[in-house]
């Protein structure tokens, strides 16, 4: 008999089409193998160019966006692919410094958003702080209303409400 199509397949079809058309990109956030961000290319491009505007790296970053990013929709770039696109080791070092690439492992890099590292650090630190607060409480329970009204623990710079939504969505809290 016929088997039902997996739900995830149906939801990724429009995403795949948008990615193939070059309208969106998937970015690895560094929060685990399944933590990906979906970004629209035009705002991404504007953000990256604004971050390097007026710096000596601006021309290199623009060339990278126009050639590598526009033509290669992959999550990561291998050294051989980067070289084939005309970028040497010194260029990659500059792109990492500009925040456009982040090191994946030796000889490969993920596409990145300049300044995203600060957000990820604040996110991870806030998550840990809020989970720690719940773990230290009596019976490891805190009413949701009380958590929302409490002063944020040190390190929860993104706000308790934001972190609560994340932790509940990730099923790390019930």
C-alpha atoms as a PDB file:
ATOM      1  CA  UNK A   1       0.000   0.000   0.000  1.00  0.00           C
ATOM      2  CA  UNK A   2       0.891   3.648  -0.199  1.00  0.00           C
ATOM      3  CA  UNK A   3       2.744   5.168   2.710  1.00  0.00           C
ATOM      4  CA  UNK A   4       2.016   8.688   3.920  1.00  0.00           C
ATOM      5  CA  UNK A   5       4.612  11.258   2.975  1.00  0.00           C
ATOM      6  CA  UNK A   6       6.724  12.440   5.934  1.00  0.00           C
ATOM      7  CA  UNK A   7       5.548  15.803   7.249  1.00  0.00           C
ATOM      8  CA  UNK A   8       9.012  17.314   7.174  1.00  0.00           C
ATOM      9  CA  UNK A   9       9.327  16.636   3.433  1.00  0.00           C
ATOM     10  CA  UNK A  10       6.195  18.618   2.600  1.00  0.00           C
ATOM     11  CA  UNK A  11       7.322  21.578   4.699  1.00  0.00           C
ATOM     12  CA  UNK A  12      10.784  21.707   3.122  1.00  0.00           C
ATOM     13  CA  UNK A  13       9.596  21.838  -0.494  1.00  0.00           C
ATOM     14  CA  UNK A  14       8.970  25.628  -0.532  1.00  0.00           C
ATOM     15  CA  UNK A  15      12.212  26.131   1.417  1.00  0.00           C
ATOM     16  CA  UNK A  16      14.177  24.067  -1.115  1.00  0.00           C
ATOM     17  CA  UNK A  17      12.648  26.028  -3.983  1.00  0.00           C
ATOM     18  CA  UNK A  18      13.538  29.368  -2.356  1.00  0.00           C
ATOM     19  CA  UNK A  19      17.072  28.130  -1.667  1.00  0.00           C
ATOM     20  CA  UNK A  20      17.508  26.868  -5.228  1.00  0.00           C
ATOM     21  CA  UNK A  21      16.317  30.247  -6.537  1.00  0.00           C
ATOM     22  CA  UNK A  22      18.928  31.960  -4.350  1.00  0.00           C
ATOM     23  CA  UNK A  23      16.337  33.833  -2.285  1.00  0.00           C
ATOM     24  CA  UNK A  24      17.165  32.221   1.065  1.00  0.00           C
ATOM     25  CA  UNK A  25      20.165  30.581   2.719  1.00  0.00           C
ATOM     26  CA  UNK A  26      20.515  28.186   5.603  1.00  0.00           C
ATOM     27  CA  UNK A  27      23.127  29.121   8.190  1.00  0.00           C
ATOM     28  CA  UNK A  28      24.593  26.926  10.922  1.00  0.00           C
ATOM     29  CA  UNK A  29      24.237  28.719  14.266  1.00  0.00           C
ATOM     30  CA  UNK A  30      26.757  26.682  16.225  1.00  0.00           C
ATOM     31  CA  UNK A  31      24.127  25.512  18.726  1.00  0.00           C
ATOM     32  CA  UNK A  32      24.153  21.903  17.568  1.00  0.00           C
ATOM     33  CA  UNK A  33      23.936  20.005  14.304  1.00  0.00           C
ATOM     34  CA  UNK A  34      20.220  20.690  13.835  1.00  0.00           C
ATOM     35  CA  UNK A  35      20.193  24.375  14.819  1.00  0.00           C
ATOM     36  CA  UNK A  36      19.907  26.194  11.521  1.00  0.00           C
ATOM     37  CA  UNK A  37      18.769  29.704  10.695  1.00  0.00           C
ATOM     38  CA  UNK A  38      16.908  30.573   7.519  1.00  0.00           C
ATOM     39  CA  UNK A  39      17.794  34.025   6.177  1.00  0.00           C
ATOM     40  CA  UNK A  40      16.547  35.932   3.163  1.00  0.00           C
ATOM     41  CA  UNK A  41      19.458  36.798   0.890  1.00  0.00           C
ATOM     42  CA  UNK A  42      18.733  40.489   0.271  1.00  0.00           C
ATOM     43  CA  UNK A  43      18.594  41.516   3.966  1.00  0.00           C
ATOM     44  CA  UNK A  44      21.541  39.184   4.672  1.00  0.00           C
ATOM     45  CA  UNK A  45      23.589  40.820   1.931  1.00  0.00           C
ATOM     46  CA  UNK A  46      22.659  44.318   3.171  1.00  0.00           C
ATOM     47  CA  UNK A  47      23.594  43.415   6.771  1.00  0.00           C
ATOM     48  CA  UNK A  48      26.949  41.939   5.752  1.00  0.00           C
ATOM     49  CA  UNK A  49      27.851  44.878   3.503  1.00  0.00           C
ATOM     50  CA  UNK A  50      26.805  47.390   6.185  1.00  0.00           C
ATOM     51  CA  UNK A  51      29.018  45.583   8.722  1.00  0.00           C
ATOM     52  CA  UNK A  52      32.120  45.978   6.524  1.00  0.00           C
ATOM     53  CA  UNK A  53      31.287  49.350   4.946  1.00  0.00           C
ATOM     54  CA  UNK A  54      34.306  51.640   4.994  1.00  0.00           C
ATOM     55  CA  UNK A  55      36.757  48.884   5.943  1.00  0.00           C
ATOM     56  CA  UNK A  56      39.586  47.511   3.806  1.00  0.00           C
ATOM     57  CA  UNK A  57      37.691  44.182   3.680  1.00  0.00           C
ATOM     58  CA  UNK A  58      34.608  45.634   1.936  1.00  0.00           C
ATOM     59  CA  UNK A  59      35.762  44.809  -1.616  1.00  0.00           C
ATOM     60  CA  UNK A  60      36.731  41.246  -0.729  1.00  0.00           C
ATOM     61  CA  UNK A  61      33.442  40.660   1.107  1.00  0.00           C
ATOM     62  CA  UNK A  62      31.438  42.041  -1.835  1.00  0.00           C
ATOM     63  CA  UNK A  63      33.354  39.774  -4.248  1.00  0.00           C
ATOM     64  CA  UNK A  64      32.740  36.769  -1.954  1.00  0.00           C
ATOM     65  CA  UNK A  65      29.009  37.517  -1.742  1.00  0.00           C
ATOM     66  CA  UNK A  66      28.747  37.985  -5.514  1.00  0.00           C
ATOM     67  CA  UNK A  67      30.652  34.855  -6.469  1.00  0.00           C
ATOM     68  CA  UNK A  68      30.714  32.220  -3.715  1.00  0.00           C
ATOM     69  CA  UNK A  69      27.520  32.967  -1.802  1.00  0.00           C
ATOM     70  CA  UNK A  70      25.433  33.695  -4.903  1.00  0.00           C
ATOM     71  CA  UNK A  71      26.490  30.514  -6.715  1.00  0.00           C
ATOM     72  CA  UNK A  72      26.958  27.955  -3.918  1.00  0.00           C
ATOM     73  CA  UNK A  73      23.893  27.365  -1.679  1.00  0.00           C
ATOM     74  CA  UNK A  74      25.712  24.894   0.597  1.00  0.00           C
ATOM     75  CA  UNK A  75      25.878  25.244   4.383  1.00  0.00           C
ATOM     76  CA  UNK A  76      29.665  25.126   4.390  1.00  0.00           C
ATOM     77  CA  UNK A  77      32.624  25.761   2.122  1.00  0.00           C
ATOM     78  CA  UNK A  78      35.561  23.389   1.719  1.00  0.00           C
ATOM     79  CA  UNK A  79      39.074  24.722   1.041  1.00  0.00           C
ATOM     80  CA  UNK A  80      39.109  23.269  -2.507  1.00  0.00           C
ATOM     81  CA  UNK A  81      35.757  24.915  -3.369  1.00  0.00           C
ATOM     82  CA  UNK A  82      36.910  28.267  -1.985  1.00  0.00           C
ATOM     83  CA  UNK A  83      40.114  28.056  -4.031  1.00  0.00           C
ATOM     84  CA  UNK A  84      38.162  27.121  -7.177  1.00  0.00           C
ATOM     85  CA  UNK A  85      36.133  30.300  -6.654  1.00  0.00           C
ATOM     86  CA  UNK A  86      39.350  32.348  -6.577  1.00  0.00           C
ATOM     87  CA  UNK A  87      39.856  32.906  -2.844  1.00  0.00           C
ATOM     88  CA  UNK A  88      43.156  32.073  -1.154  1.00  0.00           C
ATOM     89  CA  UNK A  89      44.019  31.406   2.491  1.00  0.00           C
ATOM     90  CA  UNK A  90      44.678  35.108   3.159  1.00  0.00           C
ATOM     91  CA  UNK A  91      41.218  35.942   1.756  1.00  0.00           C
ATOM     92  CA  UNK A  92      39.578  33.322   3.969  1.00  0.00           C
ATOM     93  CA  UNK A  93      41.381  34.767   7.006  1.00  0.00           C
ATOM     94  CA  UNK A  94      39.985  38.203   6.119  1.00  0.00           C
ATOM     95  CA  UNK A  95      36.469  36.785   5.611  1.00  0.00           C
ATOM     96  CA  UNK A  96      36.622  35.048   9.006  1.00  0.00           C
ATOM     97  CA  UNK A  97      37.828  38.318  10.550  1.00  0.00           C
ATOM     98  CA  UNK A  98      34.910  40.146   8.925  1.00  0.00           C
ATOM     99  CA  UNK A  99      32.474  37.613  10.413  1.00  0.00           C
ATOM    100  CA  UNK A 100      31.277  36.361   7.012  1.00  0.00           C
ATOM    101  CA  UNK A 101      32.768  32.898   7.565  1.00  0.00           C
ATOM    102  CA  UNK A 102      33.262  30.953  10.773  1.00  0.00           C
ATOM    103  CA  UNK A 103      35.556  27.968  11.200  1.00  0.00           C
ATOM    104  CA  UNK A 104      33.794  24.614  10.975  1.00  0.00           C
ATOM    105  CA  UNK A 105      36.923  22.463  11.175  1.00  0.00           C
ATOM    106  CA  UNK A 106      40.349  22.399   9.533  1.00  0.00           C
ATOM    107  CA  UNK A 107      39.826  23.328   5.895  1.00  0.00           C
ATOM    108  CA  UNK A 108      36.116  24.135   5.980  1.00  0.00           C
ATOM    109  CA  UNK A 109      33.971  27.083   7.024  1.00  0.00           C
ATOM    110  CA  UNK A 110      30.319  27.900   7.619  1.00  0.00           C
ATOM    111  CA  UNK A 111      28.697  30.985   6.176  1.00  0.00           C
ATOM    112  CA  UNK A 112      28.004  33.374   9.061  1.00  0.00           C
ATOM    113  CA  UNK A 113      26.330  36.649   9.974  1.00  0.00           C
ATOM    114  CA  UNK A 114      28.725  39.323  11.264  1.00  0.00           C
ATOM    115  CA  UNK A 115      28.047  39.871  14.970  1.00  0.00           C
ATOM    116  CA  UNK A 116      25.960  36.695  15.368  1.00  0.00           C
ATOM    117  CA  UNK A 117      28.530  35.250  17.758  1.00  0.00           C
ATOM    118  CA  UNK A 118      27.578  37.828  20.413  1.00  0.00           C
ATOM    119  CA  UNK A 119      23.922  36.826  20.117  1.00  0.00           C
ATOM    120  CA  UNK A 120      24.711  33.099  20.301  1.00  0.00           C
ATOM    121  CA  UNK A 121      26.885  33.616  23.401  1.00  0.00           C
ATOM    122  CA  UNK A 122      24.143  35.667  25.110  1.00  0.00           C
ATOM    123  CA  UNK A 123      21.549  33.072  24.099  1.00  0.00           C
ATOM    124  CA  UNK A 124      23.532  30.095  25.446  1.00  0.00           C
ATOM    125  CA  UNK A 125      24.492  31.943  28.636  1.00  0.00           C
ATOM    126  CA  UNK A 126      20.883  33.038  29.249  1.00  0.00           C
ATOM    127  CA  UNK A 127      19.558  29.548  28.595  1.00  0.00           C
ATOM    128  CA  UNK A 128      22.009  28.090  31.132  1.00  0.00           C
ATOM    129  CA  UNK A 129      21.191  30.779  33.693  1.00  0.00           C
ATOM    130  CA  UNK A 130      17.440  30.195  33.470  1.00  0.00           C
ATOM    131  CA  UNK A 131      17.766  26.386  33.519  1.00  0.00           C
ATOM    132  CA  UNK A 132      20.094  26.692  36.524  1.00  0.00           C
ATOM    133  CA  UNK A 133      17.559  28.847  38.347  1.00  0.00           C
ATOM    134  CA  UNK A 134      14.873  26.177  37.840  1.00  0.00           C
ATOM    135  CA  UNK A 135      17.223  23.325  38.826  1.00  0.00           C
ATOM    136  CA  UNK A 136      18.211  25.088  42.062  1.00  0.00           C
ATOM    137  CA  UNK A 137      14.585  25.723  43.057  1.00  0.00           C
ATOM    138  CA  UNK A 138      12.690  23.497  45.438  1.00  0.00           C
ATOM    139  CA  UNK A 139      11.514  20.314  43.671  1.00  0.00           C
ATOM    140  CA  UNK A 140      13.032  21.720  40.477  1.00  0.00           C
ATOM    141  CA  UNK A 141       9.776  23.532  39.820  1.00  0.00           C
ATOM    142  CA  UNK A 142       8.928  27.203  39.412  1.00  0.00           C
ATOM    143  CA  UNK A 143       5.454  28.363  38.346  1.00  0.00           C
ATOM    144  CA  UNK A 144       5.532  29.941  34.887  1.00  0.00           C
ATOM    145  CA  UNK A 145       3.880  33.142  36.144  1.00  0.00           C
ATOM    146  CA  UNK A 146       6.553  33.500  38.826  1.00  0.00           C
ATOM    147  CA  UNK A 147       9.356  32.981  36.303  1.00  0.00           C
ATOM    148  CA  UNK A 148       7.923  35.674  34.034  1.00  0.00           C
ATOM    149  CA  UNK A 149       7.675  38.165  36.907  1.00  0.00           C
ATOM    150  CA  UNK A 150      11.068  37.416  38.444  1.00  0.00           C
ATOM    151  CA  UNK A 151      14.082  39.618  37.955  1.00  0.00           C
ATOM    152  CA  UNK A 152      16.177  37.998  35.231  1.00  0.00           C
ATOM    153  CA  UNK A 153      19.133  35.967  36.501  1.00  0.00           C
ATOM    154  CA  UNK A 154      22.576  37.368  35.703  1.00  0.00           C
ATOM    155  CA  UNK A 155      23.390  36.424  32.147  1.00  0.00           C
ATOM    156  CA  UNK A 156      19.820  36.521  30.827  1.00  0.00           C
ATOM    157  CA  UNK A 157      20.441  39.607  28.689  1.00  0.00           C
ATOM    158  CA  UNK A 158      17.899  38.496  26.086  1.00  0.00           C
ATOM    159  CA  UNK A 159      15.100  38.624  28.641  1.00  0.00           C
ATOM    160  CA  UNK A 160      13.269  35.949  30.579  1.00  0.00           C
ATOM    161  CA  UNK A 161      10.247  35.862  28.234  1.00  0.00           C
ATOM    162  CA  UNK A 162      12.416  35.240  25.159  1.00  0.00           C
ATOM    163  CA  UNK A 163      14.415  32.512  26.888  1.00  0.00           C
ATOM    164  CA  UNK A 164      11.270  30.900  28.316  1.00  0.00           C
ATOM    165  CA  UNK A 165       9.699  30.655  24.868  1.00  0.00           C
ATOM    166  CA  UNK A 166      12.888  29.034  23.589  1.00  0.00           C
ATOM    167  CA  UNK A 167      13.171  26.551  26.465  1.00  0.00           C
ATOM    168  CA  UNK A 168       9.494  25.595  26.262  1.00  0.00           C
ATOM    169  CA  UNK A 169       9.689  25.220  22.476  1.00  0.00           C
ATOM    170  CA  UNK A 170      12.814  23.079  22.757  1.00  0.00           C
ATOM    171  CA  UNK A 171      11.018  21.021  25.433  1.00  0.00           C
ATOM    172  CA  UNK A 172      13.803  21.657  27.937  1.00  0.00           C
ATOM    173  CA  UNK A 173      11.161  22.910  30.386  1.00  0.00           C
ATOM    174  CA  UNK A 174       7.613  21.695  30.917  1.00  0.00           C
END
